[in-house]
Amino acid sequence: MTRAVCSGSFDPVTNGHVDVFERASQMFDELIICVFQNPSKRGFLPIEQRVELLRQSVSHLPNVQVKSFSGLITEFMRKHEAKVIVRGIRSVKDLEYEENEAYMIRHIAPEIDTVFLLTRPDYSYVSSSGIRELFSFNGSIHGLVPECVEQAMIELQQRERK
């Protein structure tokens, strides 16, 4: 059985992320989506809400689970006996960054391989930071994020306006 991990902040999760999860779930027996907790950063959405929104977004994928973690991804992967990390690539810029990360992971844990999945062209411009910026200027994020994420962001905006 091959278990893979896809990690990130997913703040918020986008339809591009979900596309990568769907494709990776077909390639591996199990896929664990790990929401990275960076204690030095305050997220747009709380970590617990990101985990829940991810669970809702991938509920149609029976071999996918969602967890959160803080620390080195290699420690998480060893703990969960995962041998593959999946990374979505939107551009050459992403590839350069992820290639260096993959080399560092390989240095720390030679038993772990990295698989790169190219983002579908229609999602190549979609990023969590872009979604946050668009949303902050009251732009429509419809069709760029799962419906549950869009609704959660609208509710957050409404609470902040009160």
N, C-alpha and C. Protein backbone atom coordinates (compact mmCIF):
# COMPACT_ATOMS: atom_id res chain seq x y z
N MET A 1 0.84 -1.18 0.00
CA MET A 1 0.00 0.00 0.00
C MET A 1 0.89 1.24 0.00
N THR A 2 0.56 2.19 -0.85
CA THR A 2 1.32 3.44 -0.94
C THR A 2 0.50 4.58 -0.36
N ARG A 3 1.06 5.20 0.66
CA ARG A 3 0.42 6.35 1.31
C ARG A 3 1.20 7.60 0.93
N ALA A 4 0.46 8.62 0.48
CA ALA A 4 1.08 9.89 0.09
C ALA A 4 0.54 11.01 0.96
N VAL A 5 1.30 12.09 1.00
CA VAL A 5 0.93 13.26 1.78
C VAL A 5 0.97 14.49 0.88
N CYS A 6 -0.02 15.34 1.04
CA CYS A 6 -0.03 16.63 0.37
C CYS A 6 -0.18 17.67 1.47
N SER A 7 0.84 18.51 1.63
CA SER A 7 0.82 19.46 2.74
C SER A 7 0.79 20.89 2.23
N GLY A 8 0.29 21.77 3.08
CA GLY A 8 0.24 23.19 2.76
C GLY A 8 -0.55 23.93 3.81
N SER A 9 -0.65 25.24 3.63
CA SER A 9 -1.44 26.03 4.58
C SER A 9 -2.92 26.02 4.18
N PHE A 10 -3.20 25.93 2.89
CA PHE A 10 -4.57 25.86 2.39
C PHE A 10 -5.45 26.93 3.04
N ASP A 11 -5.00 28.17 2.93
CA ASP A 11 -5.65 29.28 3.63
C ASP A 11 -6.12 30.34 2.65
N PRO A 12 -7.20 30.08 1.93
CA PRO A 12 -8.11 28.94 1.97
C PRO A 12 -7.77 27.90 0.89
N VAL A 13 -8.42 26.75 1.00
CA VAL A 13 -8.30 25.74 -0.05
C VAL A 13 -8.99 26.26 -1.30
N THR A 14 -8.39 25.98 -2.46
CA THR A 14 -8.94 26.43 -3.74
C THR A 14 -9.38 25.23 -4.56
N ASN A 15 -10.09 25.50 -5.65
CA ASN A 15 -10.46 24.42 -6.56
C ASN A 15 -9.23 23.81 -7.23
N GLY A 16 -8.16 24.59 -7.36
CA GLY A 16 -6.91 24.04 -7.88
C GLY A 16 -6.33 23.00 -6.93
N HIS A 17 -6.39 23.28 -5.63
CA HIS A 17 -5.94 22.29 -4.65
C HIS A 17 -6.79 21.01 -4.76
N VAL A 18 -8.10 21.20 -4.80
CA VAL A 18 -9.00 20.04 -4.85
C VAL A 18 -8.72 19.20 -6.09
N ASP A 19 -8.44 19.84 -7.21
CA ASP A 19 -8.09 19.11 -8.42
C ASP A 19 -6.85 18.25 -8.21
N VAL A 20 -5.84 18.80 -7.56
CA VAL A 20 -4.62 18.03 -7.27
C VAL A 20 -4.95 16.86 -6.33
N PHE A 21 -5.77 17.11 -5.31
CA PHE A 21 -6.15 16.04 -4.38
C PHE A 21 -6.89 14.92 -5.11
N GLU A 22 -7.80 15.29 -5.98
CA GLU A 22 -8.57 14.28 -6.72
C GLU A 22 -7.65 13.42 -7.57
N ARG A 23 -6.73 14.05 -8.27
CA ARG A 23 -5.83 13.30 -9.13
C ARG A 23 -4.86 12.45 -8.33
N ALA A 24 -4.35 12.99 -7.23
CA ALA A 24 -3.42 12.22 -6.38
C ALA A 24 -4.13 11.05 -5.73
N SER A 25 -5.40 11.22 -5.38
CA SER A 25 -6.14 10.14 -4.73
C SER A 25 -6.33 8.95 -5.67
N GLN A 26 -6.26 9.20 -6.97
CA GLN A 26 -6.35 8.11 -7.95
C GLN A 26 -5.02 7.40 -8.15
N MET A 27 -3.94 8.08 -7.77
CA MET A 27 -2.60 7.53 -7.98
C MET A 27 -2.09 6.71 -6.79
N PHE A 28 -2.64 6.98 -5.60
CA PHE A 28 -2.14 6.35 -4.38
C PHE A 28 -3.26 5.67 -3.62
N ASP A 29 -2.90 4.68 -2.83
CA ASP A 29 -3.90 3.96 -2.04
C ASP A 29 -4.55 4.87 -1.01
N GLU A 30 -3.71 5.70 -0.38
CA GLU A 30 -4.20 6.65 0.62
C GLU A 30 -3.52 7.99 0.40
N LEU A 31 -4.28 9.05 0.64
CA LEU A 31 -3.73 10.39 0.58
C LEU A 31 -4.10 11.11 1.87
N ILE A 32 -3.10 11.66 2.53
CA ILE A 32 -3.33 12.47 3.72
C ILE A 32 -3.04 13.92 3.36
N ILE A 33 -4.02 14.76 3.55
CA ILE A 33 -3.83 16.20 3.36
C ILE A 33 -3.47 16.78 4.71
N CYS A 34 -2.32 17.42 4.77
CA CYS A 34 -1.85 17.99 6.03
C CYS A 34 -1.91 19.51 5.97
N VAL A 35 -2.63 20.08 6.89
CA VAL A 35 -2.71 21.52 7.00
C VAL A 35 -1.59 21.95 7.95
N PHE A 36 -0.66 22.70 7.40
CA PHE A 36 0.50 23.13 8.16
C PHE A 36 0.14 24.26 9.12
N GLN A 37 0.54 24.10 10.36
CA GLN A 37 0.35 25.14 11.37
C GLN A 37 1.67 25.89 11.54
N ASN A 38 1.68 27.14 11.17
CA ASN A 38 2.86 27.96 11.36
C ASN A 38 2.59 28.87 12.56
N PRO A 39 3.19 28.56 13.72
CA PRO A 39 2.89 29.34 14.92
C PRO A 39 3.29 30.81 14.83
N SER A 40 4.18 31.15 13.91
CA SER A 40 4.61 32.55 13.79
C SER A 40 3.70 33.37 12.88
N LYS A 41 2.70 32.72 12.26
CA LYS A 41 1.80 33.43 11.37
C LYS A 41 0.36 33.30 11.85
N ARG A 42 -0.39 34.37 11.69
CA ARG A 42 -1.82 34.33 11.96
C ARG A 42 -2.52 34.09 10.63
N GLY A 43 -3.24 33.01 10.53
CA GLY A 43 -3.90 32.68 9.28
C GLY A 43 -5.14 33.51 9.04
N PHE A 44 -5.57 33.53 7.79
CA PHE A 44 -6.81 34.19 7.41
C PHE A 44 -7.98 33.46 8.05
N LEU A 45 -8.00 32.14 7.89
CA LEU A 45 -8.99 31.30 8.54
C LEU A 45 -8.30 30.50 9.63
N PRO A 46 -8.96 30.27 10.76
CA PRO A 46 -8.34 29.47 11.82
C PRO A 46 -8.04 28.05 11.32
N ILE A 47 -7.00 27.47 11.86
CA ILE A 47 -6.55 26.14 11.42
C ILE A 47 -7.67 25.09 11.51
N GLU A 48 -8.45 25.14 12.58
CA GLU A 48 -9.54 24.16 12.75
C GLU A 48 -10.57 24.30 11.64
N GLN A 49 -10.84 25.53 11.24
CA GLN A 49 -11.81 25.76 10.18
C GLN A 49 -11.25 25.32 8.83
N ARG A 50 -9.97 25.54 8.60
CA ARG A 50 -9.36 25.08 7.35
C ARG A 50 -9.44 23.56 7.24
N VAL A 51 -9.17 22.88 8.35
CA VAL A 51 -9.26 21.41 8.36
C VAL A 51 -10.68 20.97 8.03
N GLU A 52 -11.66 21.58 8.68
CA GLU A 52 -13.05 21.21 8.44
C GLU A 52 -13.48 21.51 7.00
N LEU A 53 -13.09 22.66 6.48
CA LEU A 53 -13.44 23.00 5.10
C LEU A 53 -12.78 22.05 4.11
N LEU A 54 -11.57 21.64 4.40
CA LEU A 54 -10.90 20.65 3.55
C LEU A 54 -11.64 19.32 3.60
N ARG A 55 -12.03 18.91 4.80
CA ARG A 55 -12.79 17.64 4.92
C ARG A 55 -14.06 17.69 4.09
N GLN A 56 -14.76 18.81 4.15
CA GLN A 56 -15.98 18.95 3.34
C GLN A 56 -15.65 18.93 1.85
N SER A 57 -14.56 19.57 1.48
CA SER A 57 -14.17 19.70 0.07
C SER A 57 -13.73 18.39 -0.56
N VAL A 58 -13.25 17.46 0.26
CA VAL A 58 -12.77 16.17 -0.27
C VAL A 58 -13.61 15.00 0.22
N SER A 59 -14.80 15.28 0.74
CA SER A 59 -15.64 14.21 1.30
C SER A 59 -16.03 13.17 0.24
N HIS A 60 -15.94 13.53 -1.02
CA HIS A 60 -16.27 12.60 -2.10
C HIS A 60 -15.10 11.66 -2.44
N LEU A 61 -13.97 11.82 -1.77
CA LEU A 61 -12.79 10.99 -2.02
C LEU A 61 -12.60 10.03 -0.85
N PRO A 62 -12.96 8.76 -1.02
CA PRO A 62 -12.97 7.83 0.12
C PRO A 62 -11.59 7.50 0.70
N ASN A 63 -10.54 7.67 -0.06
CA ASN A 63 -9.21 7.30 0.42
C ASN A 63 -8.39 8.51 0.87
N VAL A 64 -9.08 9.61 1.19
CA VAL A 64 -8.40 10.84 1.60
C VAL A 64 -8.81 11.20 3.02
N GLN A 65 -7.81 11.56 3.81
CA GLN A 65 -8.09 12.09 5.15
C GLN A 65 -7.36 13.41 5.32
N VAL A 66 -7.82 14.21 6.27
CA VAL A 66 -7.26 15.53 6.51
C VAL A 66 -6.80 15.62 7.96
N LYS A 67 -5.58 16.11 8.14
CA LYS A 67 -5.00 16.29 9.47
C LYS A 67 -4.28 17.63 9.50
N SER A 68 -3.93 18.08 10.69
CA SER A 68 -3.10 19.27 10.81
C SER A 68 -1.80 18.87 11.50
N PHE A 69 -0.78 19.68 11.31
CA PHE A 69 0.50 19.39 11.96
C PHE A 69 1.33 20.66 12.10
N SER A 70 2.29 20.55 12.97
CA SER A 70 3.26 21.62 13.18
C SER A 70 4.62 20.94 13.31
N GLY A 71 5.58 21.39 12.59
CA GLY A 71 6.91 20.78 12.64
C GLY A 71 7.35 20.38 11.25
N LEU A 72 8.34 19.51 11.21
CA LEU A 72 8.89 19.07 9.93
C LEU A 72 7.97 18.07 9.25
N ILE A 73 7.75 18.27 7.96
CA ILE A 73 6.91 17.35 7.20
C ILE A 73 7.49 15.94 7.22
N THR A 74 8.80 15.83 7.26
CA THR A 74 9.42 14.50 7.29
C THR A 74 9.04 13.74 8.56
N GLU A 75 8.91 14.44 9.69
CA GLU A 75 8.50 13.79 10.94
C GLU A 75 7.06 13.29 10.82
N PHE A 76 6.20 14.12 10.26
CA PHE A 76 4.81 13.73 10.06
C PHE A 76 4.73 12.50 9.17
N MET A 77 5.49 12.52 8.08
CA MET A 77 5.44 11.41 7.13
C MET A 77 5.96 10.12 7.75
N ARG A 78 7.01 10.20 8.50
CA ARG A 78 7.52 9.00 9.17
C ARG A 78 6.49 8.45 10.16
N LYS A 79 5.88 9.35 10.92
CA LYS A 79 4.87 8.95 11.90
C LYS A 79 3.70 8.22 11.23
N HIS A 80 3.33 8.67 10.02
CA HIS A 80 2.20 8.09 9.30
C HIS A 80 2.62 7.09 8.22
N GLU A 81 3.89 6.73 8.23
CA GLU A 81 4.44 5.73 7.29
C GLU A 81 4.12 6.07 5.84
N ALA A 82 4.28 7.34 5.50
CA ALA A 82 4.07 7.80 4.13
C ALA A 82 5.42 7.95 3.44
N LYS A 83 5.49 7.55 2.20
CA LYS A 83 6.76 7.56 1.46
C LYS A 83 6.79 8.55 0.31
N VAL A 84 5.65 9.19 0.03
CA VAL A 84 5.56 10.10 -1.11
C VAL A 84 4.91 11.40 -0.67
N ILE A 85 5.50 12.49 -1.10
CA ILE A 85 4.87 13.80 -0.90
C ILE A 85 4.45 14.32 -2.28
N VAL A 86 3.23 14.82 -2.35
CA VAL A 86 2.66 15.32 -3.61
C VAL A 86 2.63 16.84 -3.55
N ARG A 87 3.12 17.46 -4.60
CA ARG A 87 3.13 18.92 -4.68
C ARG A 87 2.51 19.35 -6.00
N GLY A 88 1.58 20.29 -5.92
CA GLY A 88 0.99 20.87 -7.12
C GLY A 88 1.89 21.98 -7.65
N ILE A 89 2.05 22.03 -8.96
CA ILE A 89 2.92 23.02 -9.61
C ILE A 89 2.08 23.83 -10.59
N ARG A 90 2.08 25.17 -10.40
CA ARG A 90 1.34 26.05 -11.31
C ARG A 90 2.24 26.68 -12.36
N SER A 91 3.53 26.85 -12.01
CA SER A 91 4.40 27.61 -12.90
C SER A 91 5.86 27.20 -12.69
N VAL A 92 6.73 27.74 -13.52
CA VAL A 92 8.17 27.50 -13.37
C VAL A 92 8.65 28.02 -12.02
N LYS A 93 8.09 29.13 -11.59
CA LYS A 93 8.43 29.70 -10.28
C LYS A 93 8.12 28.70 -9.17
N ASP A 94 6.93 28.09 -9.21
CA ASP A 94 6.58 27.05 -8.23
C ASP A 94 7.56 25.89 -8.31
N LEU A 95 7.90 25.47 -9.52
CA LEU A 95 8.79 24.34 -9.70
C LEU A 95 10.15 24.60 -9.07
N GLU A 96 10.70 25.79 -9.28
CA GLU A 96 12.00 26.12 -8.70
C GLU A 96 11.95 26.04 -7.17
N TYR A 97 10.91 26.60 -6.59
CA TYR A 97 10.76 26.55 -5.13
C TYR A 97 10.60 25.11 -4.65
N GLU A 98 9.67 24.38 -5.27
CA GLU A 98 9.37 23.02 -4.83
C GLU A 98 10.53 22.05 -5.08
N GLU A 99 11.31 22.30 -6.11
CA GLU A 99 12.48 21.47 -6.37
C GLU A 99 13.47 21.57 -5.21
N ASN A 100 13.72 22.78 -4.74
CA ASN A 100 14.63 22.95 -3.59
C ASN A 100 14.07 22.29 -2.34
N GLU A 101 12.77 22.43 -2.13
CA GLU A 101 12.13 21.78 -0.99
C GLU A 101 12.28 20.25 -1.08
N ALA A 102 12.08 19.71 -2.27
CA ALA A 102 12.20 18.27 -2.48
C ALA A 102 13.62 17.78 -2.19
N TYR A 103 14.61 18.55 -2.59
CA TYR A 103 16.00 18.19 -2.30
C TYR A 103 16.28 18.21 -0.80
N MET A 104 15.71 19.19 -0.10
CA MET A 104 15.90 19.26 1.35
C MET A 104 15.23 18.08 2.03
N ILE A 105 14.03 17.75 1.61
CA ILE A 105 13.33 16.59 2.17
C ILE A 105 14.13 15.33 1.91
N ARG A 106 14.66 15.20 0.71
CA ARG A 106 15.47 14.03 0.35
C ARG A 106 16.73 13.94 1.21
N HIS A 107 17.31 15.10 1.53
CA HIS A 107 18.49 15.13 2.39
C HIS A 107 18.14 14.64 3.81
N ILE A 108 17.02 15.12 4.32
CA ILE A 108 16.59 14.77 5.68
C ILE A 108 16.07 13.33 5.75
N ALA A 109 15.33 12.93 4.74
CA ALA A 109 14.68 11.61 4.74
C ALA A 109 14.80 10.98 3.35
N PRO A 110 15.90 10.30 3.09
CA PRO A 110 16.14 9.73 1.75
C PRO A 110 15.07 8.75 1.27
N GLU A 111 14.28 8.23 2.19
CA GLU A 111 13.24 7.26 1.82
C GLU A 111 11.98 7.92 1.25
N ILE A 112 11.91 9.24 1.32
CA ILE A 112 10.72 9.97 0.85
C ILE A 112 10.97 10.54 -0.55
N ASP A 113 10.04 10.27 -1.45
CA ASP A 113 10.10 10.83 -2.80
C ASP A 113 9.04 11.92 -2.95
N THR A 114 9.30 12.84 -3.87
CA THR A 114 8.35 13.91 -4.17
C THR A 114 7.81 13.71 -5.57
N VAL A 115 6.50 13.83 -5.70
CA VAL A 115 5.83 13.75 -7.00
C VAL A 115 5.21 15.12 -7.27
N PHE A 116 5.49 15.66 -8.45
CA PHE A 116 4.94 16.95 -8.86
C PHE A 116 3.77 16.72 -9.81
N LEU A 117 2.64 17.36 -9.53
CA LEU A 117 1.49 17.31 -10.42
C LEU A 117 1.26 18.71 -10.98
N LEU A 118 1.24 18.81 -12.29
CA LEU A 118 0.97 20.11 -12.91
C LEU A 118 -0.49 20.48 -12.72
N THR A 119 -0.72 21.71 -12.35
CA THR A 119 -2.07 22.22 -12.19
C THR A 119 -2.73 22.30 -13.56
N ARG A 120 -4.02 22.03 -13.60
CA ARG A 120 -4.76 22.21 -14.84
C ARG A 120 -4.65 23.67 -15.26
N PRO A 121 -4.52 23.93 -16.56
CA PRO A 121 -4.34 25.32 -17.03
C PRO A 121 -5.42 26.28 -16.53
N ASP A 122 -6.66 25.82 -16.40
CA ASP A 122 -7.72 26.72 -15.96
C ASP A 122 -7.62 27.09 -14.48
N TYR A 123 -6.70 26.46 -13.74
CA TYR A 123 -6.46 26.82 -12.34
C TYR A 123 -5.05 27.39 -12.13
N SER A 124 -4.30 27.58 -13.19
CA SER A 124 -2.89 27.97 -13.05
C SER A 124 -2.70 29.36 -12.43
N TYR A 125 -3.70 30.18 -12.47
CA TYR A 125 -3.59 31.53 -11.91
C TYR A 125 -4.20 31.62 -10.49
N VAL A 126 -4.77 30.54 -10.00
CA VAL A 126 -5.47 30.55 -8.72
C VAL A 126 -4.52 30.19 -7.59
N SER A 127 -4.44 31.07 -6.60
CA SER A 127 -3.65 30.82 -5.40
C SER A 127 -4.43 31.27 -4.18
N SER A 128 -4.10 30.73 -3.03
CA SER A 128 -4.78 31.15 -1.80
C SER A 128 -4.57 32.63 -1.54
N SER A 129 -3.35 33.12 -1.74
CA SER A 129 -3.09 34.54 -1.50
C SER A 129 -3.88 35.41 -2.48
N GLY A 130 -3.99 34.97 -3.72
CA GLY A 130 -4.79 35.69 -4.70
C GLY A 130 -6.26 35.72 -4.34
N ILE A 131 -6.76 34.59 -3.82
CA ILE A 131 -8.16 34.51 -3.38
C ILE A 131 -8.40 35.49 -2.23
N ARG A 132 -7.47 35.49 -1.25
CA ARG A 132 -7.63 36.40 -0.11
C ARG A 132 -7.64 37.86 -0.57
N GLU A 133 -6.74 38.20 -1.49
CA GLU A 133 -6.67 39.58 -1.98
C GLU A 133 -7.94 39.96 -2.74
N LEU A 134 -8.36 39.09 -3.66
CA LEU A 134 -9.58 39.35 -4.43
C LEU A 134 -10.77 39.53 -3.50
N PHE A 135 -10.88 38.66 -2.51
CA PHE A 135 -11.98 38.72 -1.57
C PHE A 135 -11.94 40.00 -0.73
N SER A 136 -10.75 40.43 -0.35
CA SER A 136 -10.62 41.64 0.48
C SER A 136 -11.09 42.88 -0.26
N PHE A 137 -11.08 42.83 -1.59
CA PHE A 137 -11.58 43.95 -2.40
C PHE A 137 -12.99 43.69 -2.93
N ASN A 138 -13.69 42.74 -2.26
CA ASN A 138 -15.08 42.40 -2.60
C ASN A 138 -15.24 41.82 -3.99
N GLY A 139 -14.17 41.22 -4.53
CA GLY A 139 -14.27 40.53 -5.81
C GLY A 139 -14.91 39.17 -5.63
N SER A 140 -15.50 38.67 -6.68
CA SER A 140 -16.16 37.37 -6.63
C SER A 140 -15.13 36.24 -6.67
N ILE A 141 -15.25 35.33 -5.72
CA ILE A 141 -14.39 34.14 -5.68
C ILE A 141 -15.17 32.90 -6.12
N HIS A 142 -16.37 33.12 -6.61
CA HIS A 142 -17.22 32.02 -7.05
C HIS A 142 -16.54 31.24 -8.17
N GLY A 143 -16.52 29.92 -8.02
CA GLY A 143 -15.90 29.05 -9.02
C GLY A 143 -14.40 28.87 -8.83
N LEU A 144 -13.82 29.62 -7.91
CA LEU A 144 -12.37 29.50 -7.65
C LEU A 144 -12.08 28.68 -6.40
N VAL A 145 -13.07 28.59 -5.52
CA VAL A 145 -12.95 27.83 -4.28
C VAL A 145 -14.18 26.93 -4.15
N PRO A 146 -14.09 25.86 -3.37
CA PRO A 146 -15.29 25.04 -3.14
C PRO A 146 -16.40 25.89 -2.52
N GLU A 147 -17.64 25.50 -2.75
CA GLU A 147 -18.79 26.27 -2.26
C GLU A 147 -18.75 26.47 -0.76
N CYS A 148 -18.34 25.44 -0.01
CA CYS A 148 -18.29 25.58 1.45
C CYS A 148 -17.28 26.64 1.88
N VAL A 149 -16.21 26.78 1.13
CA VAL A 149 -15.19 27.80 1.43
C VAL A 149 -15.73 29.19 1.12
N GLU A 150 -16.37 29.32 -0.03
CA GLU A 150 -16.96 30.61 -0.39
C GLU A 150 -17.95 31.05 0.68
N GLN A 151 -18.79 30.12 1.12
CA GLN A 151 -19.80 30.45 2.14
C GLN A 151 -19.13 30.84 3.46
N ALA A 152 -18.08 30.11 3.87
CA ALA A 152 -17.38 30.43 5.12
C ALA A 152 -16.73 31.80 5.06
N MET A 153 -16.18 32.15 3.91
CA MET A 153 -15.54 33.46 3.76
C MET A 153 -16.57 34.58 3.78
N ILE A 154 -17.72 34.35 3.17
CA ILE A 154 -18.80 35.35 3.20
C ILE A 154 -19.28 35.54 4.63
N GLU A 155 -19.46 34.45 5.36
CA GLU A 155 -19.90 34.55 6.76
C GLU A 155 -18.87 35.29 7.60
N LEU A 156 -17.59 35.04 7.38
CA LEU A 156 -16.53 35.73 8.10
C LEU A 156 -16.60 37.23 7.81
N GLN A 157 -16.77 37.58 6.56
CA GLN A 157 -16.87 38.98 6.16
C GLN A 157 -18.08 39.66 6.82
N GLN A 158 -19.20 38.97 6.87
CA GLN A 158 -20.40 39.52 7.49
C GLN A 158 -20.20 39.74 8.99
N ARG A 159 -19.53 38.80 9.68
CA ARG A 159 -19.25 38.95 11.12
C ARG A 159 -18.34 40.15 11.37
N GLU A 160 -17.36 40.33 10.48
CA GLU A 160 -16.41 41.43 10.67
C GLU A 160 -17.05 42.79 10.44
N ARG A 161 -18.07 42.83 9.61
CA ARG A 161 -18.75 44.10 9.32
C ARG A 161 -19.67 44.54 10.47
N LYS A 162 -20.04 43.62 11.32
CA LYS A 162 -20.98 43.94 12.43
C LYS A 162 -20.27 44.61 13.55
